[in-house]
Amino acid sequence: MLLTSPRLRAALLATASATLVAATLPAPAPVALGIGDPLFPHLGNPGYDVIAYDIGLTYRGDNSKPLDAVTKIDARATQRLERINLDFTHGKVRSVEVDGARADFATAGEDLVVAPREAVEAGSPVRVTVTHTSDPTGGKGGWVRTTDGLAMANQADAAHRVFPGNDHPADKAAFTFRVTAPGMLTVVANGLPVAKTRDGANTTWTYRTRHPMATELAQVSIGDSAVVHREGPHGLPLRDVVPAADRAKLEPWLAKTPAQIEWMERQVGRYPFETYGVLVAGAETGFELETQTLSLFERSLFTRPEYPEWYVDSVMVHELAHQWFGDSVSPRAWSDLWLNEGHATWYEAMYAQEHADKPLEDRMREAYRHSDGWRAAGGPPAAPEPPAPGKQISLFRPVVYDGSALVLYALRQEIGAGEFRRLERDWVREHRDGTASTADFTRLASDIAGRDLSDFFEAWLYGRKTPPMPGHPDWKSAAVK
């Protein structure tokens, strides 16, 4: 994600639960669970590993009304389960089945708590089928209502406002989307199309991912859209989704993607997924988002004249870089967010240096000047303060962007450009399609450097004050007010 409100954009340029309908469960009362994420303690659920989601959605042409939905979750129990907790809110549950048998269910907090007729034994496969609605109204993330339909923006904790599941990036899974919409509209989702069928006035579109995906990266676009196809490096199929009326106007921007992918591949290796594309939505979100294989952008980013070309290019590269850092390699916990945003900001800045004469060192010097203030306001990069209650997007503070890219700059200064480049490439190769933590990154960096970097990382990632910059003893941090 890249926050791009007018104020934050100006700064960048200056520095280079509705209620679920529920059946009654027997005592004891259902309890909301979580996997203990320090920033989102109630996200995710213990006891099972999701293997695949099959999400069916029916959109009737009005983005102010709930969609009918059926979500099928294939999982494997990691412990004996007398109840199965799913993250879900802001929709109505009509029925639940476990392995084809009707099951009782109730709610606790933002959990849907399911009571199968028989306990699921550890190691056993289980399918949970939830028939529900998916409500696009109310804000707070999940569905984004666009000028012509809908798109998704689930980061960080809003996928469970769209569909039930295990809404934490630690549990990645395969996804299939089956979306029925009026025939005059176009539906695009993560992955590649596998079927398209007409039934009277409606069309059902089916998409499937070839790589596991975190729930926060799910994307479904429904609207009066043009889908623009072209070829990327190594024959990679590219497809951009834009408002049909803007097809010609946006083409100069869309045409940049193949070269941007080539540039990223020269930095860190082969693009990690089956397709890529830009989704341009007619909505004002205040951010852009790295939804897997189909990055979400506000239309205004490409149409407002005050944004110079180099800036728009760098934002496009920021979301593209996330396909490696955050999507292919996902955070084990939300406190590992700096690995996502720090790397995306790093390659955004590197691209601006190489293509627009915006020196990386100037940007990092300016970041160093502000770093102590950022740490005081939001915590150090790898130990961020929790988001403000009800405002989860407040987690995305300057310290996780330029403040975390600054850590990478210091690391390159510390171990050398050659070792740093090797670290980056090894990181995305070793953890491809998986999850990884800050500890995994620091361990790999020490291995490549041939020495223990624990003290370096402890200071740079967890210190309340910014350490001296290697090679730049003259850099100073501004006084914290």
Protein backbone atom coordinates (compact mmCIF):
# COMPACT_ATOMS: atom_id res chain seq x y z
CA MET A 1 0.00 0.00 0.00
CA LEU A 2 1.07 3.55 -0.65
CA LEU A 3 -0.89 6.30 1.07
CA THR A 4 -1.37 9.06 -1.45
CA SER A 5 -3.58 11.69 0.09
CA PRO A 6 -2.88 15.20 -1.26
CA ARG A 7 -0.90 16.08 1.88
CA LEU A 8 1.26 12.97 1.71
CA ARG A 9 1.73 13.35 -2.01
CA ALA A 10 2.95 16.89 -1.46
CA ALA A 11 5.41 15.62 1.13
CA LEU A 12 6.73 12.98 -1.26
CA LEU A 13 7.19 15.53 -4.00
CA ALA A 14 8.98 17.86 -1.63
CA THR A 15 11.41 15.19 -0.49
CA ALA A 16 11.97 13.54 -3.98
CA SER A 17 -20.01 -4.37 12.19
CA ALA A 18 -23.20 -4.84 10.98
CA THR A 19 -24.76 -7.81 12.78
CA LEU A 20 -24.56 -11.37 11.46
CA VAL A 21 -27.78 -13.36 11.49
CA ALA A 22 -26.95 -16.25 13.81
CA ALA A 23 -28.34 -19.48 15.12
CA THR A 24 -27.99 -20.31 18.80
CA LEU A 25 -25.05 -22.37 19.96
CA PRO A 26 -25.15 -24.50 23.08
CA ALA A 27 -23.25 -23.32 26.15
CA PRO A 28 -20.56 -22.29 26.70
CA ALA A 29 -20.90 -19.01 24.86
CA PRO A 30 -18.84 -18.57 21.68
CA VAL A 31 -15.58 -16.72 22.10
CA ALA A 32 -13.69 -14.57 19.59
CA LEU A 33 -10.23 -15.97 19.01
CA GLY A 34 -7.08 -14.75 17.28
CA ILE A 35 -3.54 -15.88 16.62
CA GLY A 36 -2.05 -13.25 18.89
CA ASP A 37 -0.78 -10.74 16.36
CA PRO A 38 0.55 -7.83 18.46
CA LEU A 39 -1.15 -5.22 16.27
CA PHE A 40 -4.37 -7.09 15.44
CA PRO A 41 -4.82 -9.59 18.30
CA HIS A 42 -8.24 -10.85 17.13
CA LEU A 43 -7.27 -11.44 13.49
CA GLY A 44 -6.74 -14.97 12.28
CA ASN A 45 -7.84 -18.10 14.08
CA PRO A 46 -5.96 -21.05 15.57
CA GLY A 47 -6.56 -24.70 14.89
CA TYR A 48 -6.57 -24.97 11.12
CA ASP A 49 -4.70 -24.08 7.95
CA VAL A 50 -6.72 -22.89 4.96
CA ILE A 51 -5.79 -24.65 1.74
CA ALA A 52 -8.22 -22.97 -0.66
CA TYR A 53 -11.09 -20.50 -0.90
CA ASP A 54 -13.87 -20.74 -3.48
CA ILE A 55 -15.83 -17.47 -3.36
CA GLY A 56 -19.06 -17.04 -5.28
CA LEU A 57 -20.54 -13.54 -5.56
CA THR A 58 -23.70 -12.31 -7.28
CA TYR A 59 -23.80 -8.60 -8.13
CA ARG A 60 -27.10 -7.22 -9.41
CA GLY A 61 -25.86 -3.90 -10.75
CA ASP A 62 -26.38 -1.71 -7.67
CA ASN A 63 -23.29 -1.04 -5.57
CA SER A 64 -25.39 0.23 -2.67
CA LYS A 65 -26.96 -3.18 -2.03
CA PRO A 66 -25.48 -6.39 -0.57
CA LEU A 67 -24.23 -9.10 -2.89
CA ASP A 68 -25.39 -12.68 -2.42
CA ALA A 69 -22.41 -14.90 -1.68
CA VAL A 70 -21.29 -18.44 -0.98
CA THR A 71 -17.80 -18.97 0.43
CA LYS A 72 -16.31 -22.47 0.53
CA ILE A 73 -13.22 -22.93 2.66
CA ASP A 74 -11.09 -26.05 2.37
CA ALA A 75 -8.76 -26.43 5.34
CA ARG A 76 -6.82 -28.94 7.38
CA ALA A 77 -7.22 -29.06 11.13
CA THR A 78 -4.01 -28.61 13.10
CA GLN A 79 -5.75 -29.53 16.36
CA ARG A 80 -9.02 -31.12 17.42
CA LEU A 81 -11.80 -28.64 16.71
CA GLU A 82 -15.14 -28.71 18.44
CA ARG A 83 -15.73 -25.21 17.09
CA ILE A 84 -14.31 -23.45 14.08
CA ASN A 85 -13.78 -19.70 14.26
CA LEU A 86 -13.84 -17.66 11.07
CA ASP A 87 -13.21 -13.93 10.73
CA PHE A 88 -16.37 -12.32 9.32
CA THR A 89 -18.41 -9.18 9.92
CA HIS A 90 -20.65 -6.69 8.11
CA GLY A 91 -22.74 -9.33 6.39
CA LYS A 92 -25.66 -11.67 7.08
CA VAL A 93 -25.02 -15.38 7.45
CA ARG A 94 -27.90 -17.49 6.16
CA SER A 95 -26.48 -20.97 6.69
CA VAL A 96 -23.28 -22.88 7.42
CA GLU A 97 -22.33 -26.41 6.48
CA VAL A 98 -19.34 -28.44 7.63
CA ASP A 99 -18.47 -31.27 5.26
CA GLY A 100 -21.95 -31.06 3.78
CA ALA A 101 -23.88 -31.21 7.07
CA ARG A 102 -25.74 -28.22 8.49
CA ALA A 103 -23.95 -26.64 11.43
CA ASP A 104 -24.98 -24.25 14.17
CA PHE A 105 -23.28 -20.88 14.27
CA ALA A 106 -23.14 -17.70 16.31
CA THR A 107 -21.08 -14.54 16.52
CA ALA A 108 -18.50 -13.25 18.97
CA GLY A 109 -16.92 -9.91 18.21
CA GLU A 110 -15.96 -10.08 14.53
CA ASP A 111 -15.80 -13.90 14.54
CA LEU A 112 -18.30 -16.31 13.05
CA VAL A 113 -18.19 -19.31 15.40
CA VAL A 114 -19.26 -22.60 13.83
CA ALA A 115 -20.23 -25.75 15.76
CA PRO A 116 -19.93 -28.84 13.54
CA ARG A 117 -22.09 -31.84 14.43
CA GLU A 118 -18.94 -33.81 15.16
CA ALA A 119 -15.56 -32.52 16.20
CA VAL A 120 -12.93 -32.28 13.46
CA GLU A 121 -9.90 -34.33 14.41
CA ALA A 122 -6.36 -33.01 14.12
CA GLY A 123 -4.88 -33.67 10.71
CA SER A 124 -8.28 -34.08 9.04
CA PRO A 125 -9.42 -32.12 6.01
CA VAL A 126 -12.57 -30.04 6.47
CA ARG A 127 -14.79 -27.98 4.19
CA VAL A 128 -16.82 -25.11 5.63
CA THR A 129 -19.49 -23.62 3.35
CA VAL A 130 -21.00 -20.29 4.36
CA THR A 131 -24.00 -18.83 2.55
CA HIS A 132 -24.04 -15.12 3.31
CA THR A 133 -24.30 -11.58 2.01
CA SER A 134 -21.37 -9.29 1.24
CA ASP A 135 -22.23 -5.68 2.01
CA PRO A 136 -20.39 -2.92 0.09
CA THR A 137 -21.78 -0.07 2.22
CA GLY A 138 -20.43 1.43 5.40
CA GLY A 139 -16.79 2.08 4.48
CA LYS A 140 -14.00 0.89 6.80
CA GLY A 141 -12.34 -1.10 4.03
CA GLY A 142 -13.24 -4.20 2.11
CA TRP A 143 -15.42 -3.24 -0.83
CA VAL A 144 -14.71 0.11 -2.49
CA ARG A 145 -17.68 1.60 -4.30
CA THR A 146 -16.52 3.04 -7.61
CA THR A 147 -18.29 5.28 -10.08
CA ASP A 148 -19.32 2.22 -12.12
CA GLY A 149 -19.27 -0.70 -9.70
CA LEU A 150 -16.98 -2.22 -7.08
CA ALA A 151 -13.37 -3.07 -6.29
CA MET A 152 -11.65 -4.41 -3.17
CA ALA A 153 -9.22 -2.80 -0.73
CA ASN A 154 -8.78 -5.28 2.13
CA GLN A 155 -5.52 -4.15 3.72
CA ALA A 156 -4.90 -4.56 6.56
CA ASP A 157 -7.85 -6.26 8.27
CA ALA A 158 -10.88 -5.78 6.04
CA ALA A 159 -11.13 -8.94 3.93
CA HIS A 160 -13.48 -10.37 6.54
CA ARG A 161 -15.86 -7.50 5.76
CA VAL A 162 -16.23 -9.13 2.32
CA PHE A 163 -16.03 -12.90 2.90
CA PRO A 164 -15.48 -15.25 5.87
CA GLY A 165 -12.02 -16.74 6.30
CA ASN A 166 -8.79 -16.73 8.23
CA ASP A 167 -8.01 -13.06 7.72
CA HIS A 168 -4.29 -12.91 8.48
CA PRO A 169 -1.37 -13.00 6.01
CA ALA A 170 0.25 -15.85 7.97
CA ASP A 171 -2.34 -18.20 6.43
CA LYS A 172 -2.06 -17.95 2.63
CA ALA A 173 -4.21 -20.09 0.36
CA ALA A 174 -5.31 -20.66 -3.21
CA PHE A 175 -8.32 -18.63 -4.41
CA THR A 176 -11.10 -19.21 -6.93
CA PHE A 177 -13.60 -16.41 -7.63
CA ARG A 178 -16.93 -17.05 -9.37
CA VAL A 179 -18.65 -13.71 -9.92
CA THR A 180 -22.04 -13.26 -11.58
CA ALA A 181 -22.89 -9.77 -12.84
CA PRO A 182 -25.09 -8.12 -15.47
CA GLY A 183 -23.82 -8.96 -18.92
CA MET A 184 -22.89 -5.40 -19.85
CA LEU A 185 -20.31 -5.25 -17.02
CA THR A 186 -16.79 -6.67 -16.87
CA VAL A 187 -15.42 -8.70 -13.96
CA VAL A 188 -11.71 -9.21 -13.31
CA ALA A 189 -10.09 -10.85 -10.27
CA ASN A 190 -6.73 -12.07 -9.03
CA GLY A 191 -5.09 -14.73 -11.17
CA LEU A 192 -6.16 -15.87 -14.61
CA PRO A 193 -9.59 -16.45 -16.16
CA VAL A 194 -10.70 -20.08 -16.36
CA ALA A 195 -14.35 -19.75 -17.48
CA LYS A 196 -16.99 -17.29 -18.67
CA THR A 197 -20.61 -18.34 -19.11
CA ARG A 198 -23.79 -16.45 -19.96
CA ASP A 199 -27.18 -17.14 -18.41
CA GLY A 200 -29.81 -14.81 -19.79
CA ALA A 201 -28.90 -11.22 -18.92
CA ASN A 202 -26.08 -12.25 -16.59
CA THR A 203 -22.53 -13.50 -17.06
CA THR A 204 -20.51 -15.56 -14.61
CA TRP A 205 -16.75 -14.99 -14.65
CA THR A 206 -14.36 -17.46 -12.98
CA TYR A 207 -10.76 -16.65 -12.01
CA ARG A 208 -8.20 -18.75 -10.19
CA THR A 209 -4.80 -17.99 -8.68
CA ARG A 210 -1.79 -20.19 -9.38
CA HIS A 211 0.06 -19.08 -6.27
CA PRO A 212 -1.08 -18.84 -2.65
CA MET A 213 -2.39 -15.47 -1.55
CA ALA A 214 -3.11 -13.63 1.68
CA THR A 215 -6.72 -12.58 2.23
CA GLU A 216 -5.72 -8.90 2.40
CA LEU A 217 -4.52 -9.11 -1.21
CA ALA A 218 -7.77 -10.40 -2.73
CA GLN A 219 -9.18 -8.33 -5.59
CA VAL A 220 -12.43 -8.39 -7.54
CA SER A 221 -13.29 -5.56 -9.94
CA ILE A 222 -16.82 -5.17 -11.32
CA GLY A 223 -17.63 -2.30 -13.64
CA ASP A 224 -17.93 -0.75 -17.06
CA SER A 225 -14.31 -1.60 -17.77
CA ALA A 226 -11.95 -2.12 -20.65
CA VAL A 227 -9.41 -4.91 -20.26
CA VAL A 228 -6.19 -4.14 -22.11
CA HIS A 229 -3.92 -7.06 -22.93
CA ARG A 230 -0.23 -6.98 -23.79
CA GLU A 231 2.86 -9.11 -23.23
CA GLY A 232 5.51 -8.60 -20.59
CA PRO A 233 8.98 -10.07 -20.13
CA HIS A 234 9.35 -13.79 -20.95
CA GLY A 235 5.85 -13.85 -22.45
CA LEU A 236 4.20 -12.82 -19.17
CA PRO A 237 0.50 -12.06 -19.85
CA LEU A 238 -0.37 -8.53 -18.75
CA ARG A 239 -3.90 -7.22 -18.40
CA ASP A 240 -4.90 -3.77 -17.25
CA VAL A 241 -8.43 -2.92 -16.14
CA VAL A 242 -9.53 0.69 -16.66
CA PRO A 243 -12.78 2.64 -17.02
CA ALA A 244 -13.86 2.04 -20.60
CA ALA A 245 -14.18 5.77 -21.30
CA ASP A 246 -10.54 6.32 -20.26
CA ARG A 247 -8.98 3.55 -22.34
CA ALA A 248 -7.13 5.82 -24.78
CA LYS A 249 -6.27 8.49 -22.22
CA LEU A 250 -4.59 5.97 -19.90
CA GLU A 251 -2.69 4.01 -22.55
CA PRO A 252 0.57 6.00 -22.18
CA TRP A 253 0.68 4.98 -18.52
CA LEU A 254 -0.33 1.36 -19.10
CA ALA A 255 2.34 0.96 -21.75
CA LYS A 256 5.03 1.59 -19.12
CA THR A 257 4.43 -1.64 -17.20
CA PRO A 258 6.53 -4.08 -19.29
CA ALA A 259 9.66 -1.94 -18.92
CA GLN A 260 8.98 -1.44 -15.22
CA ILE A 261 8.78 -5.21 -14.74
CA GLU A 262 12.03 -5.65 -16.66
CA TRP A 263 13.67 -3.10 -14.39
CA MET A 264 12.45 -4.86 -11.23
CA GLU A 265 13.61 -8.21 -12.56
CA ARG A 266 17.11 -6.79 -13.01
CA GLN A 267 17.06 -5.82 -9.32
CA VAL A 268 15.65 -8.92 -7.65
CA GLY A 269 14.92 -11.66 -10.18
CA ARG A 270 12.01 -13.10 -12.11
CA TYR A 271 8.50 -11.74 -11.56
CA PRO A 272 6.87 -14.21 -9.13
CA PHE A 273 3.29 -14.62 -10.45
CA GLU A 274 1.26 -15.77 -13.45
CA THR A 275 0.12 -12.31 -14.61
CA TYR A 276 0.21 -8.63 -13.68
CA GLY A 277 -1.82 -5.57 -14.37
CA VAL A 278 -2.99 -2.14 -13.26
CA LEU A 279 -6.55 -1.69 -12.00
CA VAL A 280 -7.64 1.95 -12.32
CA ALA A 281 -10.74 2.62 -10.22
CA GLY A 282 -13.07 5.58 -10.28
CA ALA A 283 -12.82 6.16 -6.53
CA GLU A 284 -10.98 8.44 -4.13
CA THR A 285 -9.35 6.13 -1.60
CA GLY A 286 -6.30 8.14 -0.53
CA PHE A 287 -4.01 5.19 -1.30
CA GLU A 288 -2.87 2.75 -3.94
CA LEU A 289 -2.80 -0.98 -3.12
CA GLU A 290 -0.72 -4.00 -4.17
CA THR A 291 -3.55 -6.52 -4.59
CA GLN A 292 -1.89 -9.66 -5.93
CA THR A 293 -1.40 -9.67 -9.74
CA LEU A 294 -3.74 -6.65 -10.10
CA SER A 295 -2.61 -3.49 -8.28
CA LEU A 296 -5.33 -0.98 -7.40
CA PHE A 297 -4.85 2.70 -8.34
CA GLU A 298 -7.06 5.75 -8.05
CA ARG A 299 -8.01 7.22 -11.42
CA SER A 300 -6.92 10.67 -10.22
CA LEU A 301 -3.30 9.55 -9.89
CA PHE A 302 -3.11 9.40 -13.70
CA THR A 303 -5.34 12.34 -14.56
CA ARG A 304 -4.46 15.17 -12.18
CA PRO A 305 -2.00 17.53 -13.90
CA GLU A 306 -0.13 18.51 -10.73
CA TYR A 307 1.49 15.07 -10.47
CA PRO A 308 4.69 15.01 -12.55
CA GLU A 309 5.42 11.98 -14.67
CA TRP A 310 8.36 10.81 -12.56
CA TYR A 311 6.18 10.76 -9.46
CA VAL A 312 3.41 8.68 -11.05
CA ASP A 313 6.05 6.31 -12.45
CA SER A 314 7.56 5.83 -9.01
CA VAL A 315 4.16 5.10 -7.45
CA MET A 316 3.52 2.48 -10.13
CA VAL A 317 6.89 0.88 -9.33
CA HIS A 318 6.11 0.99 -5.60
CA GLU A 319 3.04 -1.23 -6.07
CA LEU A 320 4.84 -3.43 -8.58
CA ALA A 321 7.70 -4.01 -6.13
CA HIS A 322 5.15 -5.22 -3.60
CA GLN A 323 4.43 -8.21 -5.82
CA TRP A 324 7.80 -9.53 -4.62
CA PHE A 325 7.85 -7.84 -1.19
CA GLY A 326 4.55 -8.35 0.61
CA ASP A 327 2.67 -10.52 -1.90
CA SER A 328 5.01 -13.35 -2.88
CA VAL A 329 6.85 -12.99 0.44
CA SER A 330 4.15 -12.05 2.94
CA PRO A 331 4.64 -10.83 6.51
CA ARG A 332 4.44 -13.44 9.26
CA ALA A 333 2.98 -10.78 11.57
CA TRP A 334 1.76 -7.25 10.94
CA SER A 335 4.75 -5.86 12.85
CA ASP A 336 6.80 -7.18 9.90
CA LEU A 337 5.08 -4.57 7.71
CA TRP A 338 8.33 -2.63 7.39
CA LEU A 339 9.64 -5.43 5.15
CA ASN A 340 6.77 -4.76 2.72
CA GLU A 341 6.68 -1.00 2.70
CA GLY A 342 10.38 -0.35 3.28
CA HIS A 343 11.31 -2.44 0.24
CA ALA A 344 8.57 -1.01 -1.98
CA THR A 345 9.69 2.51 -1.02
CA TRP A 346 13.33 1.55 -1.63
CA TYR A 347 12.69 0.43 -5.21
CA GLU A 348 10.36 3.37 -5.82
CA ALA A 349 13.23 5.68 -4.83
CA MET A 350 15.82 3.72 -6.80
CA TYR A 351 13.64 3.93 -9.90
CA ALA A 352 13.23 7.71 -9.48
CA GLN A 353 17.00 8.03 -9.15
CA GLU A 354 17.72 6.09 -12.32
CA HIS A 355 14.90 7.46 -14.47
CA ALA A 356 14.23 10.97 -13.18
CA ASP A 357 17.51 12.18 -11.66
CA LYS A 358 16.09 12.17 -8.11
CA PRO A 359 19.11 11.16 -6.00
CA LEU A 360 18.46 8.39 -3.50
CA GLU A 361 21.00 9.88 -1.12
CA ASP A 362 19.10 13.17 -0.99
CA ARG A 363 15.88 11.38 -0.15
CA MET A 364 17.54 9.26 2.52
CA ARG A 365 19.26 12.28 4.07
CA GLU A 366 15.89 13.97 4.34
CA ALA A 367 14.37 10.80 5.80
CA TYR A 368 17.17 10.67 8.36
CA ARG A 369 16.37 14.22 9.38
CA HIS A 370 12.77 13.24 10.15
CA SER A 371 13.42 9.73 11.44
CA ASP A 372 13.49 10.47 15.17
CA GLY A 373 10.18 12.30 14.87
CA TRP A 374 8.63 9.42 12.96
CA ARG A 375 9.83 6.92 15.57
CA ALA A 376 8.47 9.06 18.38
CA ALA A 377 5.08 9.35 16.68
CA GLY A 378 4.62 5.78 15.47
CA GLY A 379 7.25 3.57 17.05
CA PRO A 380 10.40 2.12 15.46
CA PRO A 381 10.13 0.32 12.11
CA ALA A 382 9.83 -3.28 13.40
CA ALA A 383 7.85 -2.43 16.54
CA PRO A 384 5.18 -0.02 15.34
CA GLU A 385 2.51 1.34 17.61
CA PRO A 386 -0.94 -0.20 17.10
CA PRO A 387 -3.27 1.69 14.77
CA ALA A 388 -5.74 4.13 16.25
CA PRO A 389 -9.00 2.41 17.29
CA GLY A 390 -11.31 2.13 14.32
CA LYS A 391 -8.67 3.61 12.00
CA GLN A 392 -6.55 0.64 10.98
CA ILE A 393 -5.12 2.51 8.01
CA SER A 394 -3.30 4.73 10.52
CA LEU A 395 -0.80 1.88 10.82
CA PHE A 396 0.63 3.10 7.49
CA ARG A 397 2.76 5.92 8.87
CA PRO A 398 5.92 7.56 7.47
CA VAL A 399 8.12 5.30 9.61
CA VAL A 400 7.03 2.23 7.62
CA TYR A 401 7.73 3.97 4.30
CA ASP A 402 10.80 6.22 4.11
CA GLY A 403 11.66 5.41 7.71
CA SER A 404 12.00 1.73 6.81
CA ALA A 405 13.69 2.38 3.46
CA LEU A 406 16.24 4.27 5.56
CA VAL A 407 17.01 1.01 7.40
CA LEU A 408 17.74 -0.65 4.07
CA TYR A 409 19.99 2.24 3.06
CA ALA A 410 21.90 1.90 6.33
CA LEU A 411 22.18 -1.86 5.77
CA ARG A 412 23.63 -1.35 2.30
CA GLN A 413 26.10 1.14 3.77
CA GLU A 414 27.01 -1.42 6.45
CA ILE A 415 27.48 -4.58 4.35
CA GLY A 416 28.24 -3.16 0.89
CA ALA A 417 26.23 -2.87 -2.31
CA GLY A 418 27.18 -6.33 -3.63
CA GLU A 419 26.14 -8.19 -0.49
CA PHE A 420 22.97 -6.11 -0.24
CA ARG A 421 21.98 -7.00 -3.80
CA ARG A 422 22.59 -10.69 -3.06
CA LEU A 423 20.47 -10.43 0.10
CA GLU A 424 17.55 -8.98 -1.80
CA ARG A 425 17.59 -11.65 -4.47
CA ASP A 426 18.08 -14.50 -2.00
CA TRP A 427 15.28 -13.18 0.20
CA VAL A 428 12.58 -13.27 -2.47
CA ARG A 429 13.84 -16.57 -3.87
CA GLU A 430 14.03 -18.45 -0.55
CA HIS A 431 10.65 -17.25 0.74
CA ARG A 432 8.68 -17.20 -2.51
CA ASP A 433 4.99 -18.06 -2.04
CA GLY A 434 5.45 -18.10 1.72
CA THR A 435 5.58 -15.92 4.80
CA ALA A 436 8.65 -14.58 6.54
CA SER A 437 9.51 -12.53 9.59
CA THR A 438 11.90 -9.79 10.57
CA ALA A 439 14.00 -12.44 12.33
CA ASP A 440 14.24 -14.38 9.05
CA PHE A 441 15.49 -11.27 7.26
CA THR A 442 18.07 -10.34 9.87
CA ARG A 443 19.33 -13.93 10.01
CA LEU A 444 19.79 -14.07 6.23
CA ALA A 445 21.53 -10.70 6.22
CA SER A 446 24.01 -11.91 8.84
CA ASP A 447 24.66 -15.09 6.87
CA ILE A 448 25.39 -13.15 3.69
CA ALA A 449 27.51 -10.56 5.46
CA GLY A 450 29.49 -13.31 7.17
CA ARG A 451 29.10 -11.70 10.59
CA ASP A 452 26.51 -11.19 13.30
CA LEU A 453 24.42 -8.10 12.56
CA SER A 454 22.21 -8.42 15.65
CA ASP A 455 23.42 -5.19 17.24
CA PHE A 456 22.99 -3.29 13.98
CA PHE A 457 19.42 -4.47 13.51
CA GLU A 458 18.48 -4.06 17.16
CA ALA A 459 19.39 -0.38 16.96
CA TRP A 460 17.92 0.34 13.53
CA LEU A 461 14.72 -1.68 13.81
CA TYR A 462 13.82 -1.35 17.48
CA GLY A 463 15.54 1.79 18.76
CA ARG A 464 13.50 4.83 19.71
CA LYS A 465 16.36 6.97 18.37
CA THR A 466 17.88 6.68 14.91
CA PRO A 467 21.47 5.36 15.04
CA PRO A 468 24.34 7.16 13.27
CA MET A 469 24.29 6.51 9.54
CA PRO A 470 27.26 4.39 8.38
CA GLY A 471 29.41 6.43 6.05
CA HIS A 472 27.57 9.67 6.81
CA PRO A 473 28.59 10.87 10.28
CA ASP A 474 27.44 14.38 9.33
CA TRP A 475 23.78 13.40 8.92
CA LYS A 476 21.68 14.88 11.69
CA SER A 477 18.17 14.25 12.90
CA ALA A 478 15.90 17.19 13.60
CA ALA A 479 14.91 17.78 17.19
CA VAL A 480 11.70 16.03 18.18
CA LYS A 481 9.07 18.52 19.29
